[in-house]
Protein backbone atom coordinates (compact mmCIF):
# COMPACT_ATOMS: atom_id res chain seq x y z
CA UNK A 1 -0.05 -0.45 0.06
CA UNK A 2 1.66 3.41 -1.01
CA UNK A 3 1.95 6.11 2.34
CA UNK A 4 1.13 9.72 2.54
CA UNK A 5 3.21 12.15 1.66
CA UNK A 6 2.84 15.34 2.56
CA UNK A 7 4.40 18.37 0.72
CA UNK A 8 3.70 22.80 0.53
CA UNK A 9 0.41 23.04 -1.88
CA UNK A 10 1.37 25.65 -5.13
CA UNK A 11 -0.18 26.92 -8.01
CA UNK A 12 -3.77 28.46 -8.42
CA UNK A 13 -7.02 28.25 -9.80
CA UNK A 14 -10.04 30.65 -10.39
CA UNK A 15 -12.60 29.31 -9.03
CA UNK A 16 -14.29 26.19 -10.85
CA UNK A 17 -17.78 25.85 -10.85
CA UNK A 18 -17.45 21.65 -11.67
CA UNK A 19 -14.58 19.74 -10.38
CA UNK A 20 -13.86 16.52 -11.78
CA UNK A 21 -12.58 14.51 -9.40
CA UNK A 22 -10.45 11.72 -10.06
CA UNK A 23 -10.80 7.82 -7.14
CA UNK A 24 -7.78 6.22 -6.87
CA UNK A 25 -4.35 7.51 -5.58
CA UNK A 26 -6.76 10.75 -4.96
CA UNK A 27 -9.28 10.09 -2.68
CA UNK A 28 -7.20 7.14 -0.74
CA UNK A 29 -4.23 4.45 -1.13
CA UNK A 30 -4.35 2.46 -4.41
CA UNK A 31 -3.26 -0.52 -2.57
CA UNK A 32 0.12 -2.40 -4.83
CA UNK A 33 -1.14 -6.02 -3.52
CA UNK A 34 -5.60 -5.60 -5.28
CA UNK A 35 -4.09 -3.92 -8.34
CA UNK A 36 -2.38 -6.98 -8.58
CA UNK A 37 -4.51 -9.48 -8.11
CA UNK A 38 -6.39 -6.92 -10.50
CA UNK A 39 -3.53 -7.10 -12.64
CA UNK A 40 -3.72 -11.27 -12.57
CA UNK A 41 -6.99 -11.64 -13.48
CA UNK A 42 -7.03 -9.31 -16.26
CA UNK A 43 -4.54 -11.50 -17.77
CA UNK A 44 -6.62 -14.48 -17.05
CA UNK A 45 -9.15 -13.32 -19.07
CA UNK A 46 -7.04 -12.30 -21.48
CA UNK A 47 -5.40 -16.10 -22.09
CA UNK A 48 -9.03 -17.44 -22.58
CA UNK A 49 -10.38 -15.37 -23.87
CA UNK A 50 -8.41 -14.51 -26.54
CA UNK A 51 -6.38 -17.97 -26.20
CA UNK A 52 -3.18 -17.31 -25.25
CA UNK A 53 0.10 -17.79 -23.42
CA UNK A 54 0.44 -17.00 -20.35
CA UNK A 55 3.16 -13.72 -21.28
CA UNK A 56 1.24 -13.06 -24.80
CA UNK A 57 -1.92 -12.18 -22.55
CA UNK A 58 0.20 -9.85 -20.18
CA UNK A 59 2.29 -7.82 -22.58
CA UNK A 60 -1.01 -7.12 -23.84
CA UNK A 61 -2.45 -6.41 -21.20
CA UNK A 62 0.49 -3.76 -20.68
CA UNK A 63 0.43 -2.74 -24.12
CA UNK A 64 -3.07 -1.54 -24.03
CA UNK A 65 -2.54 -0.11 -20.74
CA UNK A 66 0.02 2.35 -21.66
CA UNK A 67 -1.86 3.38 -25.11
CA UNK A 68 -4.83 4.36 -23.92
CA UNK A 69 -5.09 4.21 -20.74
CA UNK A 70 -7.14 1.04 -19.27
CA UNK A 71 -6.84 -2.65 -20.72
CA UNK A 72 -10.65 -2.88 -21.55
CA UNK A 73 -10.96 -0.29 -24.54
CA UNK A 74 -7.73 -1.70 -26.64
CA UNK A 75 -9.69 -5.13 -25.88
CA UNK A 76 -12.79 -4.00 -27.09
CA UNK A 77 -11.74 -2.07 -30.16
CA UNK A 78 -9.45 -4.27 -31.60
CA UNK A 79 -10.55 -8.13 -30.01
CA UNK A 80 -14.86 -7.20 -29.61
CA UNK A 81 -14.50 -8.20 -26.37
CA UNK A 82 -17.27 -6.54 -23.90
CA UNK A 83 -15.82 -3.85 -21.59
CA UNK A 84 -18.44 -4.69 -19.30
CA UNK A 85 -18.27 -8.36 -18.67
CA UNK A 86 -14.50 -7.62 -18.81
CA UNK A 87 -14.37 -4.91 -15.89
CA UNK A 88 -17.11 -7.49 -13.80
CA UNK A 89 -14.59 -10.34 -14.02
CA UNK A 90 -11.90 -8.64 -12.95
CA UNK A 91 -12.32 -5.89 -10.57
CA UNK A 92 -13.45 -8.45 -7.55
CA UNK A 93 -10.92 -7.37 -5.07
CA UNK A 94 -10.71 -7.38 -1.53
CA UNK A 95 -11.69 -3.19 -0.73
CA UNK A 96 -11.67 -3.71 3.57
CA UNK A 97 -8.19 -2.82 3.62
CA UNK A 98 -7.93 0.42 1.39
CA UNK A 99 -7.49 3.76 3.42
CA UNK A 100 -7.39 7.76 3.17
CA UNK A 101 -6.41 10.33 4.97
CA UNK A 102 -7.20 13.22 7.36
CA UNK A 103 -10.75 13.95 6.49
CA UNK A 104 -11.42 13.45 3.32
CA UNK A 105 -15.13 14.02 3.34
CA UNK A 106 -14.84 17.41 4.97
CA UNK A 107 -12.88 17.78 2.08
CA UNK A 108 -14.73 17.40 -0.35
CA UNK A 109 -17.74 19.36 1.30
CA UNK A 110 -16.13 22.62 1.48
CA UNK A 111 -14.81 22.44 -2.29
CA UNK A 112 -17.06 25.09 -3.30
CA UNK A 113 -19.14 24.02 -6.61
CA UNK A 114 -20.43 20.89 -7.93
CA UNK A 115 -18.45 18.08 -7.34
CA UNK A 116 -18.28 14.66 -9.97
CA UNK A 117 -16.57 11.77 -9.46
CA UNK A 118 -14.32 10.36 -12.70
CA UNK A 119 -12.46 7.96 -12.61
CA UNK A 120 -11.62 4.22 -14.98
CA UNK A 121 -13.42 1.93 -12.81
CA UNK A 122 -15.75 -0.08 -12.73
CA UNK A 123 -19.82 0.76 -11.18
CA UNK A 124 -19.54 -1.88 -8.53
CA UNK A 125 -15.73 -1.44 -7.28
CA UNK A 126 -16.08 2.67 -7.44
CA UNK A 127 -19.56 1.65 -5.15
CA UNK A 128 -17.50 -0.66 -3.51
CA UNK A 129 -14.29 1.37 -2.90
CA UNK A 130 -16.79 4.57 -1.79
CA UNK A 131 -19.21 2.95 0.55
CA UNK A 132 -15.70 2.04 2.50
CA UNK A 133 -14.43 5.48 2.64
CA UNK A 134 -17.76 7.00 3.67
CA UNK A 135 -17.76 9.26 0.48
CA UNK A 136 -20.79 7.14 -0.96
CA UNK A 137 -22.73 10.91 -0.75
CA UNK A 138 -19.40 13.37 -1.62
CA UNK A 139 -21.20 12.99 -5.50
CA UNK A 140 -23.55 15.69 -7.51
CA UNK A 141 -22.98 12.52 -10.57
CA UNK A 142 -20.62 9.54 -11.10
CA UNK A 143 -18.71 8.95 -14.18
CA UNK A 144 -17.91 5.86 -14.03
CA UNK A 145 -16.29 3.39 -16.81
CA UNK A 146 -19.90 2.25 -18.00
CA UNK A 147 -20.53 5.37 -18.04
CA UNK A 148 -17.39 6.90 -20.14
CA UNK A 149 -19.73 5.83 -23.37
CA UNK A 150 -20.87 8.71 -26.57
CA UNK A 151 -23.26 7.54 -28.94
CA UNK A 152 -22.24 3.35 -28.74
CA UNK A 153 -18.94 3.80 -28.64
CA UNK A 154 -16.50 4.37 -25.05
CA UNK A 155 -14.70 7.10 -24.54
CA UNK A 156 -12.83 6.19 -21.24
CA UNK A 157 -10.10 8.99 -19.25
CA UNK A 158 -7.93 10.36 -20.88
CA UNK A 159 -10.79 10.94 -23.79
CA UNK A 160 -10.80 14.29 -24.66
CA UNK A 161 -14.40 13.74 -26.30
CA UNK A 162 -15.23 12.17 -23.06
CA UNK A 163 -14.61 15.74 -20.78
CA UNK A 164 -16.23 18.22 -23.18
CA UNK A 165 -19.45 16.09 -23.25
CA UNK A 166 -19.34 16.27 -19.55
CA UNK A 167 -18.63 19.93 -19.60
CA UNK A 168 -21.80 20.26 -22.09
CA UNK A 169 -24.32 18.43 -20.41
CA UNK A 170 -23.39 20.91 -17.14
CA UNK A 171 -24.18 23.60 -19.20
CA UNK A 172 -21.09 25.58 -19.02
CA UNK A 173 -17.34 26.18 -20.03
CA UNK A 174 -13.90 24.42 -20.01
CA UNK A 175 -12.70 26.55 -17.83
CA UNK A 176 -14.95 26.52 -15.58
CA UNK A 177 -13.74 23.01 -14.59
CA UNK A 178 -11.55 21.46 -13.20
CA UNK A 179 -9.36 17.82 -13.36
CA UNK A 180 -7.93 16.71 -10.11
CA UNK A 181 -6.33 13.80 -11.02
CA UNK A 182 -2.64 11.97 -9.82
CA UNK A 183 -2.62 10.88 -13.39
CA UNK A 184 -0.24 13.26 -15.51
CA UNK A 185 -1.47 12.17 -19.17
CA UNK A 186 -5.06 12.71 -18.16
CA UNK A 187 -3.80 16.60 -16.71
CA UNK A 188 -2.51 17.48 -20.27
CA UNK A 189 -5.77 16.28 -22.03
CA UNK A 190 -7.57 17.79 -20.20
CA UNK A 191 -5.23 21.38 -20.16
CA UNK A 192 -5.95 20.83 -24.06
CA UNK A 193 -9.04 20.98 -24.05
CA UNK A 194 -8.91 24.54 -21.40
CA UNK A 195 -10.02 22.92 -18.43
CA UNK A 196 -8.14 24.15 -15.32
CA UNK A 197 -5.73 20.96 -14.06
CA UNK A 198 -4.93 19.90 -10.24
CA UNK A 199 -2.51 17.44 -9.37
CA UNK A 200 -3.08 15.67 -6.82
CA UNK A 201 0.49 13.72 -5.09
CA UNK A 202 0.58 12.43 -2.19
CA UNK A 203 0.36 8.82 -3.06
CA UNK A 204 0.91 9.10 -6.09
CA UNK A 205 5.21 9.23 -5.48
CA UNK A 206 6.36 11.01 -8.80
CA UNK A 207 9.34 11.84 -9.67
CA UNK A 208 11.59 14.81 -9.91
CA UNK A 209 11.54 13.64 -13.87
CA UNK A 210 8.60 13.55 -14.44
CA UNK A 211 7.21 16.32 -13.06
CA UNK A 212 9.74 19.45 -14.09
CA UNK A 213 7.80 20.59 -17.18
CA UNK A 214 4.09 20.24 -15.99
CA UNK A 215 2.45 24.17 -17.86
CA UNK A 216 -0.45 21.76 -18.44
CA UNK A 217 -0.58 20.99 -14.29
CA UNK A 218 -2.18 24.70 -12.26
CA UNK A 219 -1.99 23.50 -8.94
CA UNK A 220 -0.15 20.57 -7.06
CA UNK A 221 -1.73 19.91 -4.25
CA UNK A 222 -0.58 16.50 -1.59
CA UNK A 223 -4.15 15.75 -0.72
CA UNK A 224 -7.63 17.50 -1.63
CA UNK A 225 -7.88 19.85 1.52
CA UNK A 226 -5.16 21.53 0.81
CA UNK A 227 -6.69 22.76 -2.96
CA UNK A 228 -9.18 25.39 -1.12
CA UNK A 229 -6.46 27.60 0.11
CA UNK A 230 -5.36 27.82 -4.20
CA UNK A 231 -8.35 29.15 -5.42
CA UNK A 232 -8.95 33.01 -6.83
CA UNK A 233 -12.68 34.57 -7.27
CA UNK A 234 -13.47 35.46 -10.41
CA UNK A 235 -12.90 39.11 -9.57
CA UNK A 236 -9.73 38.49 -8.91
CA UNK A 237 -8.77 37.76 -12.03
CA UNK A 238 -11.50 40.76 -13.76
CA UNK A 239 -9.75 43.48 -11.30
CA UNK A 240 -6.01 41.61 -12.84
CA UNK A 241 -7.10 42.24 -16.49
CA UNK A 242 -8.84 45.65 -16.32
CA UNK A 243 -5.34 47.46 -14.38
CA UNK A 244 -3.19 45.53 -16.66
CA UNK A 245 -5.11 47.40 -19.64
CA UNK A 246 -4.79 51.22 -17.91
CA UNK A 247 -0.69 49.86 -17.12
CA UNK A 248 -0.67 49.99 -20.89
CA UNK A 249 -3.44 52.81 -22.15
C-alpha cells in the first residue's frame, strides 16, 4: 500500500464551478496488492478469451494500458470484447484494506461548486470503494467506466471527447471546470481541452523528472483539503486584467 507523503501546495485556481475528481490514489491510497490481484485477473481473462499463452496475454494487457490508459478499451477496440463483462470479471479485489488520509469527506464538502467522481474504475468497484470510505454521498454525479460512452462508443480517460461531453452536459465552459487527478496524461488532456487542472500527488509519488515541465498543471497538492487555499475569486482575475489595461494605456 502506498504511503501518504505531505508536500507544500502550489499554484492557483479561478473558482471552478465543476470539479471532476479521480478516485484511485486521489481519494485514497490504492493498494499495490489489490491492483496486482486485478492485473493477474486481467491477464487470466485475456489468456482465456483470446487463447493466448500467459506471457503474451500479460504483454497485451500492459500494451493496451500504456497506449489507451485502460486495458479494456484496447480489448474492445481490437478484439470486440465487451468492456462490462471484462470489468466485472476482473475487479473483484477486496477493498476493506484501503484507507484515506485526514478528513476526506470534509475536504470534498469544502470545495465550492459541484463535485463529480471521474474514474475509469467499473461501477461496482467504485461503489465498494466509496462505501468503505463513506464518500458515497459526496458527489452530485458519478462517471465510472461504464458511463464513459458516447453514441455507443467507449471513451475512457484520457478522452478529450468525453471531457467535452461532460462539460456540455453541465452547461459550462471548459475553464469553469477543473480535473483533480494523480495521472499526468489525464491532466495534460484536460488542459488541452481548456480545463483547469490539479495534480494530487500525496499517494502517487511522481519523480522529479516526471514533473519538471508541467505547464498543463495549474496547481499541485498532496491532499484535496489543500485546494481551497489556492482558489481565487473570478473578480480578482477581472481586476487584474483591468489593472493591466490601465497600465498599458
